[in-house]
PDB file of N, CA and C in Angstrom:
ATOM      1  N   MET A   1    -119.294-140.665-145.467  1.00  0.00           N
ATOM      2  CA  MET A   1    -118.206-139.963-144.821  1.00  0.00           C
ATOM      3  C   MET A   1    -118.643-139.578-143.416  1.00  0.00           C
ATOM      4  N   THR A   2    -117.859-139.881-142.477  1.00  0.00           N
ATOM      5  CA  THR A   2    -118.149-139.506-141.099  1.00  0.00           C
ATOM      6  C   THR A   2    -117.445-138.204-140.793  1.00  0.00           C
ATOM      7  N   THR A   3    -117.804-137.636-139.669  1.00  0.00           N
ATOM      8  CA  THR A   3    -117.161-136.395-139.241  1.00  0.00           C
ATOM      9  C   THR A   3    -115.663-136.586-139.117  1.00  0.00           C
ATOM     10  N   ARG A   4    -115.227-137.751-138.707  1.00  0.00           N
ATOM     11  CA  ARG A   4    -113.788-138.009-138.550  1.00  0.00           C
ATOM     12  C   ARG A   4    -113.066-138.055-139.895  1.00  0.00           C
ATOM     13  N   ASP A   5    -113.803-138.356-140.978  1.00  0.00           N
ATOM     14  CA  ASP A   5    -113.191-138.428-142.303  1.00  0.00           C
ATOM     15  C   ASP A   5    -112.989-137.049-142.936  1.00  0.00           C
ATOM     16  N   PHE A   6    -113.574-136.032-142.344  1.00  0.00           N
ATOM     17  CA  PHE A   6    -113.485-134.688-142.901  1.00  0.00           C
ATOM     18  C   PHE A   6    -112.072-134.144-142.708  1.00  0.00           C
ATOM     19  N   ASP A   7    -111.458-133.709-143.811  1.00  0.00           N
ATOM     20  CA  ASP A   7    -110.107-133.161-143.766  1.00  0.00           C
ATOM     21  C   ASP A   7    -110.198-131.648-143.931  1.00  0.00           C
ATOM     22  N   ALA A   8    -110.068-130.906-142.861  1.00  0.00           N
ATOM     23  CA  ALA A   8    -110.173-129.452-142.900  1.00  0.00           C
ATOM     24  C   ALA A   8    -109.094-128.843-143.774  1.00  0.00           C
ATOM     25  N   ARG A   9    -107.918-129.439-143.829  1.00  0.00           N
ATOM     26  CA  ARG A   9    -106.842-128.901-144.671  1.00  0.00           C
ATOM     27  C   ARG A   9    -107.240-128.928-146.148  1.00  0.00           C
ATOM     28  N   GLU A  10    -107.853-130.018-146.562  1.00  0.00           N
ATOM     29  CA  GLU A  10    -108.303-130.122-147.956  1.00  0.00           C
ATOM     30  C   GLU A  10    -109.395-129.098-148.246  1.00  0.00           C
ATOM     31  N   PHE A  11    -110.321-128.959-147.319  1.00  0.00           N
ATOM     32  CA  PHE A  11    -111.393-127.978-147.467  1.00  0.00           C
ATOM     33  C   PHE A  11    -110.828-126.568-147.572  1.00  0.00           C
ATOM     34  N   LEU A  12    -109.921-126.197-146.694  1.00  0.00           N
ATOM     35  CA  LEU A  12    -109.333-124.862-146.698  1.00  0.00           C
ATOM     36  C   LEU A  12    -108.505-124.620-147.965  1.00  0.00           C
ATOM     37  N   ALA A  13    -107.818-125.641-148.432  1.00  0.00           N
ATOM     38  CA  ALA A  13    -107.053-125.507-149.674  1.00  0.00           C
ATOM     39  C   ALA A  13    -107.997-125.221-150.841  1.00  0.00           C
ATOM     40  N   ARG A  14    -109.121-125.907-150.884  1.00  0.00           N
ATOM     41  CA  ARG A  14    -110.102-125.678-151.949  1.00  0.00           C
ATOM     42  C   ARG A  14    -110.696-124.279-151.840  1.00  0.00           C
ATOM     43  N   CYS A  15    -110.936-123.828-150.632  1.00  0.00           N
ATOM     44  CA  CYS A  15    -111.438-122.460-150.435  1.00  0.00           C
ATOM     45  C   CYS A  15    -110.444-121.435-150.965  1.00  0.00           C
ATOM     46  N   ARG A  16    -109.161-121.645-150.733  1.00  0.00           N
ATOM     47  CA  ARG A  16    -108.145-120.723-151.250  1.00  0.00           C
ATOM     48  C   ARG A  16    -108.127-120.720-152.774  1.00  0.00           C
ATOM     49  N   VAL A  17    -108.294-121.884-153.389  1.00  0.00           N
ATOM     50  CA  VAL A  17    -108.347-121.976-154.854  1.00  0.00           C
ATOM     51  C   VAL A  17    -109.555-121.201-155.378  1.00  0.00           C
ATOM     52  N   LEU A  18    -110.706-121.409-154.755  1.00  0.00           N
ATOM     53  CA  LEU A  18    -111.918-120.706-155.180  1.00  0.00           C
ATOM     54  C   LEU A  18    -111.766-119.196-155.009  1.00  0.00           C
ATOM     55  N   GLN A  19    -111.177-118.783-153.912  1.00  0.00           N
ATOM     56  CA  GLN A  19    -110.956-117.365-153.669  1.00  0.00           C
ATOM     57  C   GLN A  19    -110.073-116.764-154.757  1.00  0.00           C
ATOM     58  N   ALA A  20    -109.035-117.456-155.138  1.00  0.00           N
ATOM     59  CA  ALA A  20    -108.146-116.975-156.194  1.00  0.00           C
ATOM     60  C   ALA A  20    -108.866-116.921-157.536  1.00  0.00           C
ATOM     61  N   GLN A  21    -109.707-117.914-157.817  1.00  0.00           N
ATOM     62  CA  GLN A  21    -110.444-117.922-159.079  1.00  0.00           C
ATOM     63  C   GLN A  21    -111.427-116.755-159.152  1.00  0.00           C
ATOM     64  N   VAL A  22    -112.126-116.507-158.075  1.00  0.00           N
ATOM     65  CA  VAL A  22    -113.062-115.380-158.047  1.00  0.00           C
ATOM     66  C   VAL A  22    -112.303-114.064-158.194  1.00  0.00           C
ATOM     67  N   ALA A  23    -111.198-113.923-157.486  1.00  0.00           N
ATOM     68  CA  ALA A  23    -110.405-112.700-157.563  1.00  0.00           C
ATOM     69  C   ALA A  23    -109.882-112.464-158.977  1.00  0.00           C
ATOM     70  N   SER A  24    -109.502-113.520-159.674  1.00  0.00           N
ATOM     71  CA  SER A  24    -108.981-113.331-161.029  1.00  0.00           C
ATOM     72  C   SER A  24    -110.092-113.005-162.020  1.00  0.00           C
ATOM     73  N   ALA A  25    -111.317-113.449-161.760  1.00  0.00           N
ATOM     74  CA  ALA A  25    -112.445-113.169-162.654  1.00  0.00           C
ATOM     75  C   ALA A  25    -113.101-111.827-162.363  1.00  0.00           C
ATOM     76  N   ALA A  26    -112.916-111.285-161.185  1.00  0.00           N
ATOM     77  CA  ALA A  26    -113.611-110.069-160.766  1.00  0.00           C
ATOM     78  C   ALA A  26    -113.343-108.862-161.665  1.00  0.00           C
ATOM     79  N   PRO A  27    -112.116-108.581-162.085  1.00  0.00           N
ATOM     80  CA  PRO A  27    -111.912-107.399-162.936  1.00  0.00           C
ATOM     81  C   PRO A  27    -112.731-107.453-164.230  1.00  0.00           C
ATOM     82  N   ALA A  28    -112.745-108.572-164.900  1.00  0.00           N
ATOM     83  CA  ALA A  28    -113.532-108.693-166.131  1.00  0.00           C
ATOM     84  C   ALA A  28    -115.019-108.579-165.831  1.00  0.00           C
ATOM     85  N   ALA A  29    -115.440-109.095-164.686  1.00  0.00           N
ATOM     86  CA  ALA A  29    -116.844-108.997-164.293  1.00  0.00           C
ATOM     87  C   ALA A  29    -117.240-107.542-164.069  1.00  0.00           C
ATOM     88  N   LEU A  30    -116.358-106.767-163.452  1.00  0.00           N
ATOM     89  CA  LEU A  30    -116.640-105.345-163.240  1.00  0.00           C
ATOM     90  C   LEU A  30    -116.730-104.600-164.563  1.00  0.00           C
ATOM     91  N   VAL A  31    -115.868-104.935-165.496  1.00  0.00           N
ATOM     92  CA  VAL A  31    -115.923-104.302-166.817  1.00  0.00           C
ATOM     93  C   VAL A  31    -117.239-104.655-167.507  1.00  0.00           C
ATOM     94  N   ASP A  32    -117.649-105.912-167.436  1.00  0.00           N
ATOM     95  CA  ASP A  32    -118.937-106.319-168.015  1.00  0.00           C
ATOM     96  C   ASP A  32    -120.085-105.514-167.427  1.00  0.00           C
ATOM     97  N   ALA A  33    -120.096-105.370-166.108  1.00  0.00           N
ATOM     98  CA  ALA A  33    -121.162-104.617-165.439  1.00  0.00           C
ATOM     99  C   ALA A  33    -121.115-103.146-165.843  1.00  0.00           C
ATOM    100  N   GLY A  34    -119.921-102.568-165.915  1.00  0.00           N
ATOM    101  CA  GLY A  34    -119.776-101.179-166.337  1.00  0.00           C
ATOM    102  C   GLY A  34    -120.267-100.956-167.755  1.00  0.00           C
ATOM    103  N   GLU A  35    -119.955-101.889-168.647  1.00  0.00           N
ATOM    104  CA  GLU A  35    -120.422-101.788-170.028  1.00  0.00           C
ATOM    105  C   GLU A  35    -121.942-101.868-170.102  1.00  0.00           C
ATOM    106  N   GLN A  36    -122.537-102.702-169.273  1.00  0.00           N
ATOM    107  CA  GLN A  36    -123.995-102.824-169.225  1.00  0.00           C
ATOM    108  C   GLN A  36    -124.622-101.486-168.839  1.00  0.00           C
ATOM    109  N   VAL A  37    -124.139-100.897-167.752  1.00  0.00           N
ATOM    110  CA  VAL A  37    -124.688 -99.629-167.272  1.00  0.00           C
ATOM    111  C   VAL A  37    -124.458 -98.530-168.308  1.00  0.00           C
ATOM    112  N   LEU A  38    -123.257 -98.458-168.850  1.00  0.00           N
ATOM    113  CA  LEU A  38    -122.939 -97.408-169.809  1.00  0.00           C
ATOM    114  C   LEU A  38    -123.794 -97.528-171.070  1.00  0.00           C
ATOM    115  N   GLY A  39    -123.992 -98.741-171.559  1.00  0.00           N
ATOM    116  CA  GLY A  39    -124.853 -98.935-172.728  1.00  0.00           C
ATOM    117  C   GLY A  39    -126.279 -98.499-172.470  1.00  0.00           C
ATOM    118  N   ASP A  40    -126.780 -98.810-171.285  1.00  0.00           N
ATOM    119  CA  ASP A  40    -128.132 -98.389-170.935  1.00  0.00           C
ATOM    120  C   ASP A  40    -128.215 -96.874-170.777  1.00  0.00           C
ATOM    121  N   ALA A  41    -127.174 -96.264-170.227  1.00  0.00           N
ATOM    122  CA  ALA A  41    -127.141 -94.804-170.101  1.00  0.00           C
ATOM    123  C   ALA A  41    -127.130 -94.145-171.475  1.00  0.00           C
ATOM    124  N   GLN A  42    -126.434 -94.727-172.430  1.00  0.00           N
ATOM    125  CA  GLN A  42    -126.432 -94.187-173.792  1.00  0.00           C
ATOM    126  C   GLN A  42    -127.835 -94.221-174.396  1.00  0.00           C
ATOM    127  N   GLN A  43    -128.598 -95.242-174.087  1.00  0.00           N
ATOM    128  CA  GLN A  43    -129.964 -95.332-174.597  1.00  0.00           C
ATOM    129  C   GLN A  43    -130.870 -94.259-173.997  1.00  0.00           C
ATOM    130  N   LEU A  44    -130.555 -93.820-172.768  1.00  0.00           N
ATOM    131  CA  LEU A  44    -131.355 -92.798-172.088  1.00  0.00           C
ATOM    132  C   LEU A  44    -130.833 -91.385-172.330  1.00  0.00           C
ATOM    133  N   CYS A  45    -129.662 -91.269-172.882  1.00  0.00           N
ATOM    134  CA  CYS A  45    -128.966 -90.005-173.077  1.00  0.00           C
ATOM    135  C   CYS A  45    -129.712 -89.107-174.071  1.00  0.00           C
ATOM    136  N   PRO A  46    -129.876 -87.822-173.748  1.00  0.00           N
ATOM    137  CA  PRO A  46    -130.465 -86.907-174.729  1.00  0.00           C
ATOM    138  C   PRO A  46    -129.608 -86.858-175.994  1.00  0.00           C
ATOM    139  N   VAL A  47    -130.282 -86.786-177.125  1.00  0.00           N
ATOM    140  CA  VAL A  47    -129.569 -86.775-178.406  1.00  0.00           C
ATOM    141  C   VAL A  47    -130.008 -85.561-179.222  1.00  0.00           C
ATOM    142  N   ARG A  48    -129.059 -84.706-179.502  1.00  0.00           N
ATOM    143  CA  ARG A  48    -129.297 -83.630-180.458  1.00  0.00           C
ATOM    144  C   ARG A  48    -128.398 -83.872-181.665  1.00  0.00           C
ATOM    145  N   THR A  49    -127.098 -84.063-181.384  1.00  0.00           N
ATOM    146  CA  THR A  49    -126.149 -84.304-182.479  1.00  0.00           C
ATOM    147  C   THR A  49    -125.507 -85.684-182.382  1.00  0.00           C
ATOM    148  N   GLY A  50    -125.636 -86.331-181.243  1.00  0.00           N
ATOM    149  CA  GLY A  50    -124.998 -87.626-181.022  1.00  0.00           C
ATOM    150  C   GLY A  50    -123.642 -87.529-180.344  1.00  0.00           C
ATOM    151  N   THR A  51    -123.146 -86.300-180.163  1.00  0.00           N
ATOM    152  CA  THR A  51    -121.820 -86.120-179.556  1.00  0.00           C
ATOM    153  C   THR A  51    -121.800 -86.603-178.115  1.00  0.00           C
ATOM    154  N   LEU A  52    -122.797 -86.240-177.349  1.00  0.00           N
ATOM    155  CA  LEU A  52    -122.844 -86.657-175.943  1.00  0.00           C
ATOM    156  C   LEU A  52    -122.910 -88.180-175.844  1.00  0.00           C
ATOM    157  N   MET A  53    -123.784 -88.803-176.603  1.00  0.00           N
ATOM    158  CA  MET A  53    -123.904 -90.258-176.578  1.00  0.00           C
ATOM    159  C   MET A  53    -122.584 -90.915-176.981  1.00  0.00           C
ATOM    160  N   GLY A  54    -121.928 -90.352-177.983  1.00  0.00           N
ATOM    161  CA  GLY A  54    -120.673 -90.910-178.465  1.00  0.00           C
ATOM    162  C   GLY A  54    -119.493 -90.689-177.538  1.00  0.00           C
ATOM    163  N   SER A  55    -119.670 -89.838-176.541  1.00  0.00           N
ATOM    164  CA  SER A  55    -118.569 -89.540-175.622  1.00  0.00           C
ATOM    165  C   SER A  55    -118.523 -90.486-174.426  1.00  0.00           C
ATOM    166  N   ALA A  56    -119.386 -91.488-174.408  1.00  0.00           N
ATOM    167  CA  ALA A  56    -119.422 -92.446-173.289  1.00  0.00           C
ATOM    168  C   ALA A  56    -118.061 -93.119-173.142  1.00  0.00           C
ATOM    169  N   THR A  57    -117.586 -93.197-171.905  1.00  0.00           N
ATOM    170  CA  THR A  57    -116.272 -93.797-171.660  1.00  0.00           C
ATOM    171  C   THR A  57    -116.333 -94.783-170.501  1.00  0.00           C
ATOM    172  N   LEU A  58    -115.446 -95.748-170.573  1.00  0.00           N
ATOM    173  CA  LEU A  58    -115.259 -96.699-169.485  1.00  0.00           C
ATOM    174  C   LEU A  58    -113.757 -96.820-169.269  1.00  0.00           C
ATOM    175  N   ASP A  59    -113.312 -96.477-168.074  1.00  0.00           N
ATOM    176  CA  ASP A  59    -111.894 -96.592-167.715  1.00  0.00           C
ATOM    177  C   ASP A  59    -111.748 -97.824-166.836  1.00  0.00           C
ATOM    178  N   ASP A  60    -111.064 -98.830-167.348  1.00  0.00           N
ATOM    179  CA  ASP A  60    -110.879-100.073-166.595  1.00  0.00           C
ATOM    180  C   ASP A  60    -109.456-100.223-166.065  1.00  0.00           C
ATOM    181  N   SER A  61    -108.705 -99.136-166.039  1.00  0.00           N
ATOM    182  CA  SER A  61    -107.298 -99.222-165.620  1.00  0.00           C
ATOM    183  C   SER A  61    -107.136 -99.628-164.159  1.00  0.00           C
ATOM    184  N   ARG A  62    -108.176 -99.490-163.352  1.00  0.00           N
ATOM    185  CA  ARG A  62    -108.104 -99.885-161.938  1.00  0.00           C
ATOM    186  C   ARG A  62    -109.017-101.073-161.627  1.00  0.00           C
ATOM    187  N   ALA A  63    -109.428-101.796-162.660  1.00  0.00           N
ATOM    188  CA  ALA A  63    -110.342-102.929-162.461  1.00  0.00           C
ATOM    189  C   ALA A  63    -109.732-103.991-161.558  1.00  0.00           C
ATOM    190  N   ALA A  64    -108.435-104.189-161.636  1.00  0.00           N
ATOM    191  CA  ALA A  64    -107.780-105.188-160.783  1.00  0.00           C
ATOM    192  C   ALA A  64    -107.884-104.813-159.306  1.00  0.00           C
ATOM    193  N   ARG A  65    -108.105-103.537-159.032  1.00  0.00           N
ATOM    194  CA  ARG A  65    -108.284-103.089-157.644  1.00  0.00           C
ATOM    195  C   ARG A  65    -109.758-102.936-157.288  1.00  0.00           C
ATOM    196  N   GLY A  66    -110.649-103.415-158.171  1.00  0.00           N
ATOM    197  CA  GLY A  66    -112.071-103.401-157.867  1.00  0.00           C
ATOM    198  C   GLY A  66    -112.791-102.128-158.252  1.00  0.00           C
ATOM    199  N   GLU A  67    -112.281-101.409-159.258  1.00  0.00           N
ATOM    200  CA  GLU A  67    -112.892-100.137-159.620  1.00  0.00           C
ATOM    201  C   GLU A  67    -112.889 -99.951-161.137  1.00  0.00           C
ATOM    202  N   VAL A  68    -114.039 -99.588-161.678  1.00  0.00           N
ATOM    203  CA  VAL A  68    -114.130 -99.102-163.047  1.00  0.00           C
ATOM    204  C   VAL A  68    -114.855 -97.761-162.988  1.00  0.00           C
ATOM    205  N   THR A  69    -114.521 -96.878-163.904  1.00  0.00           N
ATOM    206  CA  THR A  69    -115.137 -95.559-163.949  1.00  0.00           C
ATOM    207  C   THR A  69    -115.864 -95.418-165.269  1.00  0.00           C
ATOM    208  N   ILE A  70    -117.120 -95.039-165.191  1.00  0.00           N
ATOM    209  CA  ILE A  70    -117.908 -94.812-166.403  1.00  0.00           C
ATOM    210  C   ILE A  70    -118.383 -93.373-166.407  1.00  0.00           C
ATOM    211  N   GLY A  71    -118.593 -92.833-167.593  1.00  0.00           N
ATOM    212  CA  GLY A  71    -119.074 -91.465-167.676  1.00  0.00           C
ATOM    213  C   GLY A  71    -119.194 -91.013-169.118  1.00  0.00           C
ATOM    214  N   PHE A  72    -119.438 -89.724-169.267  1.00  0.00           N
ATOM    215  CA  PHE A  72    -119.568 -89.096-170.571  1.00  0.00           C
ATOM    216  C   PHE A  72    -118.575 -87.947-170.617  1.00  0.00           C
ATOM    217  N   ASN A  73    -117.845 -87.850-171.701  1.00  0.00           N
ATOM    218  CA  ASN A  73    -116.685 -86.973-171.767  1.00  0.00           C
ATOM    219  C   ASN A  73    -116.903 -85.790-172.713  1.00  0.00           C
ATOM    220  N   THR A  74    -117.876 -84.962-172.397  1.00  0.00           N
ATOM    221  CA  THR A  74    -118.028 -83.683-173.087  1.00  0.00           C
ATOM    222  C   THR A  74    -118.051 -82.598-172.018  1.00  0.00           C
ATOM    223  N   THR A  75    -117.792 -81.372-172.437  1.00  0.00           N
ATOM    224  CA  THR A  75    -117.783 -80.270-171.465  1.00  0.00           C
ATOM    225  C   THR A  75    -119.165 -80.020-170.875  1.00  0.00           C
ATOM    226  N   TYR A  76    -120.210 -80.447-171.563  1.00  0.00           N
ATOM    227  CA  TYR A  76    -121.569 -80.165-171.107  1.00  0.00           C
ATOM    228  C   TYR A  76    -122.309 -81.391-170.563  1.00  0.00           C
ATOM    229  N   ALA A  77    -121.640 -82.529-170.455  1.00  0.00           N
ATOM    230  CA  ALA A  77    -122.307 -83.762-170.016  1.00  0.00           C
ATOM    231  C   ALA A  77    -122.948 -83.600-168.643  1.00  0.00           C
ATOM    232  N   ALA A  78    -122.217 -83.042-167.696  1.00  0.00           N
ATOM    233  CA  ALA A  78    -122.758 -82.902-166.333  1.00  0.00           C
ATOM    234  C   ALA A  78    -123.963 -81.965-166.320  1.00  0.00           C
ATOM    235  N   ALA A  79    -123.901 -80.881-167.083  1.00  0.00           N
ATOM    236  CA  ALA A  79    -125.021 -79.935-167.122  1.00  0.00           C
ATOM    237  C   ALA A  79    -126.268 -80.595-167.702  1.00  0.00           C
ATOM    238  N   VAL A  80    -126.115 -81.337-168.795  1.00  0.00           N
ATOM    239  CA  VAL A  80    -127.258 -82.020-169.403  1.00  0.00           C
ATOM    240  C   VAL A  80    -127.810 -83.072-168.439  1.00  0.00           C
ATOM    241  N   HIS A  81    -126.925 -83.773-167.765  1.00  0.00           N
ATOM    242  CA  HIS A  81    -127.345 -84.813-166.823  1.00  0.00           C
ATOM    243  C   HIS A  81    -128.161 -84.226-165.678  1.00  0.00           C
ATOM    244  N   GLU A  82    -127.744 -83.088-165.162  1.00  0.00           N
ATOM    245  CA  GLU A  82    -128.348 -82.529-163.949  1.00  0.00           C
ATOM    246  C   GLU A  82    -129.560 -81.637-164.187  1.00  0.00           C
ATOM    247  N   ARG A  83    -129.746 -81.110-165.389  1.00  0.00           N
ATOM    248  CA  ARG A  83    -130.845 -80.167-165.644  1.00  0.00           C
ATOM    249  C   ARG A  83    -132.181 -80.866-165.758  1.00  0.00           C
ATOM    250  N   MET A  84    -132.876 -80.953-164.661  1.00  0.00           N
ATOM    251  CA  MET A  84    -134.178 -81.614-164.610  1.00  0.00           C
ATOM    252  C   MET A  84    -135.285 -80.758-165.224  1.00  0.00           C
ATOM    253  N   ASP A  85    -135.027 -79.470-165.410  1.00  0.00           N
ATOM    254  CA  ASP A  85    -136.048 -78.561-165.930  1.00  0.00           C
ATOM    255  C   ASP A  85    -136.070 -78.513-167.464  1.00  0.00           C
ATOM    256  N   VAL A  86    -135.169 -79.197-168.126  1.00  0.00           N
ATOM    257  CA  VAL A  86    -135.101 -79.192-169.582  1.00  0.00           C
ATOM    258  C   VAL A  86    -135.789 -80.441-170.123  1.00  0.00           C
ATOM    259  N   ARG A  87    -136.655 -80.244-171.098  1.00  0.00           N
ATOM    260  CA  ARG A  87    -137.326 -81.372-171.762  1.00  0.00           C
ATOM    261  C   ARG A  87    -136.574 -81.665-173.052  1.00  0.00           C
ATOM    262  N   HIS A  88    -136.266 -82.911-173.271  1.00  0.00           N
ATOM    263  CA  HIS A  88    -135.516 -83.325-174.443  1.00  0.00           C
ATOM    264  C   HIS A  88    -136.432 -84.063-175.400  1.00  0.00           C
ATOM    265  N   GLY A  89    -136.218 -83.851-176.697  1.00  0.00           N
ATOM    266  CA  GLY A  89    -136.988 -84.568-177.698  1.00  0.00           C
ATOM    267  C   GLY A  89    -136.742 -86.065-177.630  1.00  0.00           C
ATOM    268  N   GLN A  90    -135.499 -86.415-177.343  1.00  0.00           N
ATOM    269  CA  GLN A  90    -135.115 -87.818-177.183  1.00  0.00           C
ATOM    270  C   GLN A  90    -134.180 -87.905-175.991  1.00  0.00           C
ATOM    271  N   GLY A  91    -134.452 -88.790-175.074  1.00  0.00           N
ATOM    272  CA  GLY A  91    -133.614 -88.960-173.892  1.00  0.00           C
ATOM    273  C   GLY A  91    -134.134 -88.186-172.696  1.00  0.00           C
ATOM    274  N   GLN A  92    -133.329 -88.164-171.653  1.00  0.00           N
ATOM    275  CA  GLN A  92    -133.765 -87.561-170.397  1.00  0.00           C
ATOM    276  C   GLN A  92    -132.573 -87.098-169.581  1.00  0.00           C
ATOM    277  N   ALA A  93    -132.858 -86.241-168.602  1.00  0.00           N
ATOM    278  CA  ALA A  93    -131.855 -85.869-167.610  1.00  0.00           C
ATOM    279  C   ALA A  93    -131.606 -87.081-166.707  1.00  0.00           C
ATOM    280  N   LYS A  94    -130.539 -87.054-165.971  1.00  0.00           N
ATOM    281  CA  LYS A  94    -130.182 -88.130-165.039  1.00  0.00           C
ATOM    282  C   LYS A  94    -130.036 -89.476-165.755  1.00  0.00           C
ATOM    283  N   PHE A  95    -129.563 -89.440-166.997  1.00  0.00           N
ATOM    284  CA  PHE A  95    -129.461 -90.656-167.803  1.00  0.00           C
ATOM    285  C   PHE A  95    -128.493 -91.662-167.217  1.00  0.00           C
ATOM    286  N   LEU A  96    -127.384 -91.216-166.658  1.00  0.00           N
ATOM    287  CA  LEU A  96    -126.427 -92.156-166.062  1.00  0.00           C
ATOM    288  C   LEU A  96    -126.919 -92.658-164.706  1.00  0.00           C
ATOM    289  N   ALA A  97    -127.431 -91.764-163.885  1.00  0.00           N
ATOM    290  CA  ALA A  97    -127.951 -92.165-162.571  1.00  0.00           C
ATOM    291  C   ALA A  97    -129.125 -93.128-162.721  1.00  0.00           C
ATOM    292  N   THR A  98    -129.992 -92.866-163.691  1.00  0.00           N
ATOM    293  CA  THR A  98    -131.138 -93.742-163.916  1.00  0.00           C
ATOM    294  C   THR A  98    -130.683 -95.121-164.376  1.00  0.00           C
ATOM    295  N   ALA A  99    -129.730 -95.151-165.295  1.00  0.00           N
ATOM    296  CA  ALA A  99    -129.225 -96.443-165.773  1.00  0.00           C
ATOM    297  C   ALA A  99    -128.610 -97.231-164.622  1.00  0.00           C
ATOM    298  N   MET A 100    -127.858 -96.562-163.778  1.00  0.00           N
ATOM    299  CA  MET A 100    -127.239 -97.240-162.638  1.00  0.00           C
ATOM    300  C   MET A 100    -128.316 -97.792-161.704  1.00  0.00           C
ATOM    301  N   ALA A 101    -129.291 -96.984-161.385  1.00  0.00           N
ATOM    302  CA  ALA A 101    -130.360 -97.436-160.474  1.00  0.00           C
ATOM    303  C   ALA A 101    -131.148 -98.593-161.091  1.00  0.00           C
ATOM    304  N   ASN A 102    -131.451 -98.490-162.375  1.00  0.00           N
ATOM    305  CA  ASN A 102    -132.206 -99.556-163.038  1.00  0.00           C
ATOM    306  C   ASN A 102    -131.403-100.842-163.157  1.00  0.00           C
ATOM    307  N   ASP A 103    -130.096-100.710-163.308  1.00  0.00           N
ATOM    308  CA  ASP A 103    -129.246-101.879-163.541  1.00  0.00           C
ATOM    309  C   ASP A 103    -128.758-102.553-162.263  1.00  0.00           C
ATOM    310  N   LEU A 104    -128.895-101.923-161.121  1.00  0.00           N
ATOM    311  CA  LEU A 104    -128.396-102.534-159.886  1.00  0.00           C
ATOM    312  C   LEU A 104    -128.877-103.967-159.690  1.00  0.00           C
ATOM    313  N   PRO A 105    -130.158-104.257-159.891  1.00  0.00           N
ATOM    314  CA  PRO A 105    -130.584-105.650-159.728  1.00  0.00           C
ATOM    315  C   PRO A 105    -129.918-106.602-160.723  1.00  0.00           C
ATOM    316  N   ARG A 106    -129.592-106.100-161.922  1.00  0.00           N
ATOM    317  CA  ARG A 106    -128.987-106.956-162.941  1.00  0.00           C
ATOM    318  C   ARG A 106    -127.473-107.053-162.810  1.00  0.00           C
ATOM    319  N   ILE A 107    -126.857-106.114-162.126  1.00  0.00           N
ATOM    320  CA  ILE A 107    -125.394-106.131-162.022  1.00  0.00           C
ATOM    321  C   ILE A 107    -124.913-107.391-161.315  1.00  0.00           C
ATOM    322  N   ASN A 108    -125.599-107.799-160.277  1.00  0.00           N
ATOM    323  CA  ASN A 108    -125.208-109.039-159.596  1.00  0.00           C
ATOM    324  C   ASN A 108    -125.251-110.223-160.549  1.00  0.00           C
ATOM    325  N   ALA A 109    -126.249-110.255-161.412  1.00  0.00           N
ATOM    326  CA  ALA A 109    -126.338-111.346-162.380  1.00  0.00           C
ATOM    327  C   ALA A 109    -125.189-111.288-163.384  1.00  0.00           C
ATOM    328  N   VAL A 110    -124.852-110.086-163.839  1.00  0.00           N
ATOM    329  CA  VAL A 110    -123.727-109.919-164.769  1.00  0.00           C
ATOM    330  C   VAL A 110    -122.438-110.394-164.104  1.00  0.00           C
ATOM    331  N   LEU A 111    -122.228-109.971-162.872  1.00  0.00           N
ATOM    332  CA  LEU A 111    -121.029-110.370-162.144  1.00  0.00           C
ATOM    333  C   LEU A 111    -121.018-111.877-161.907  1.00  0.00           C
ATOM    334  N   GLY A 112    -122.157-112.419-161.517  1.00  0.00           N
ATOM    335  CA  GLY A 112    -122.237-113.856-161.259  1.00  0.00           C
ATOM    336  C   GLY A 112    -121.978-114.691-162.501  1.00  0.00           C
ATOM    337  N   ARG A 113    -122.514-114.242-163.645  1.00  0.00           N
ATOM    338  CA  ARG A 113    -122.273-114.974-164.890  1.00  0.00           C
ATOM    339  C   ARG A 113    -120.796-114.965-165.246  1.00  0.00           C
ATOM    340  N   ARG A 114    -120.152-113.836-165.133  1.00  0.00           N
ATOM    341  CA  ARG A 114    -118.740-113.730-165.509  1.00  0.00           C
ATOM    342  C   ARG A 114    -117.889-114.549-164.553  1.00  0.00           C
ATOM    343  N   ILE A 115    -118.136-114.424-163.269  1.00  0.00           N
ATOM    344  CA  ILE A 115    -117.346-115.171-162.304  1.00  0.00           C
ATOM    345  C   ILE A 115    -117.602-116.666-162.472  1.00  0.00           C
ATOM    346  N   GLY A 116    -118.843-117.042-162.733  1.00  0.00           N
ATOM    347  CA  GLY A 116    -119.151-118.444-162.963  1.00  0.00           C
ATOM    348  C   GLY A 116    -118.478-119.001-164.207  1.00  0.00           C
ATOM    349  N   ARG A 117    -118.374-118.154-165.223  1.00  0.00           N
ATOM    350  CA  ARG A 117    -117.754-118.577-166.480  1.00  0.00           C
ATOM    351  C   ARG A 117    -116.238-118.672-166.344  1.00  0.00           C
ATOM    352  N   GLU A 118    -115.654-117.725-165.624  1.00  0.00           N
ATOM    353  CA  GLU A 118    -114.198-117.646-165.523  1.00  0.00           C
ATOM    354  C   GLU A 118    -113.634-118.375-164.307  1.00  0.00           C
ATOM    355  N   GLY A 119    -114.431-118.461-163.275  1.00  0.00           N
ATOM    356  CA  GLY A 119    -113.911-119.026-162.020  1.00  0.00           C
ATOM    357  C   GLY A 119    -114.672-120.261-161.610  1.00  0.00           C
ATOM    358  N   LEU A 120    -114.440-120.653-160.411  1.00  0.00           N
ATOM    359  CA  LEU A 120    -115.126-121.781-159.788  1.00  0.00           C
ATOM    360  C   LEU A 120    -115.005-123.066-160.611  1.00  0.00           C
ATOM    361  N   ARG A 121    -113.822-123.316-161.106  1.00  0.00           N
ATOM    362  CA  ARG A 121    -113.569-124.547-161.884  1.00  0.00           C
ATOM    363  C   ARG A 121    -112.965-125.603-161.001  1.00  0.00           C
TER     364      ARG A 121
END
């Protein structure tokens, strides 16, 4: 193929298709990444009765706009998360922040796998 044989219209059309495929796969990819972080946070979460660990939530209602919200839904979740001076028999403070920091390198892989599986066909 020579430079003269290159059809920019065909190239741009393919780029638009790829862009649409990635955009359609992105919400599910964000949910996958959120579930990864939340699961890891549950493993780091202090456990006395299991209520805090069981209160883990993922809100994907805005995933189509590029946002998922993860957290723990008890009245004391924030206090347990922030109290660095408390020693727990199982788990640790900053369980959600630690999971997020630890998972950042893997989140790109989670997103890439989902987008690769759902898009780029």
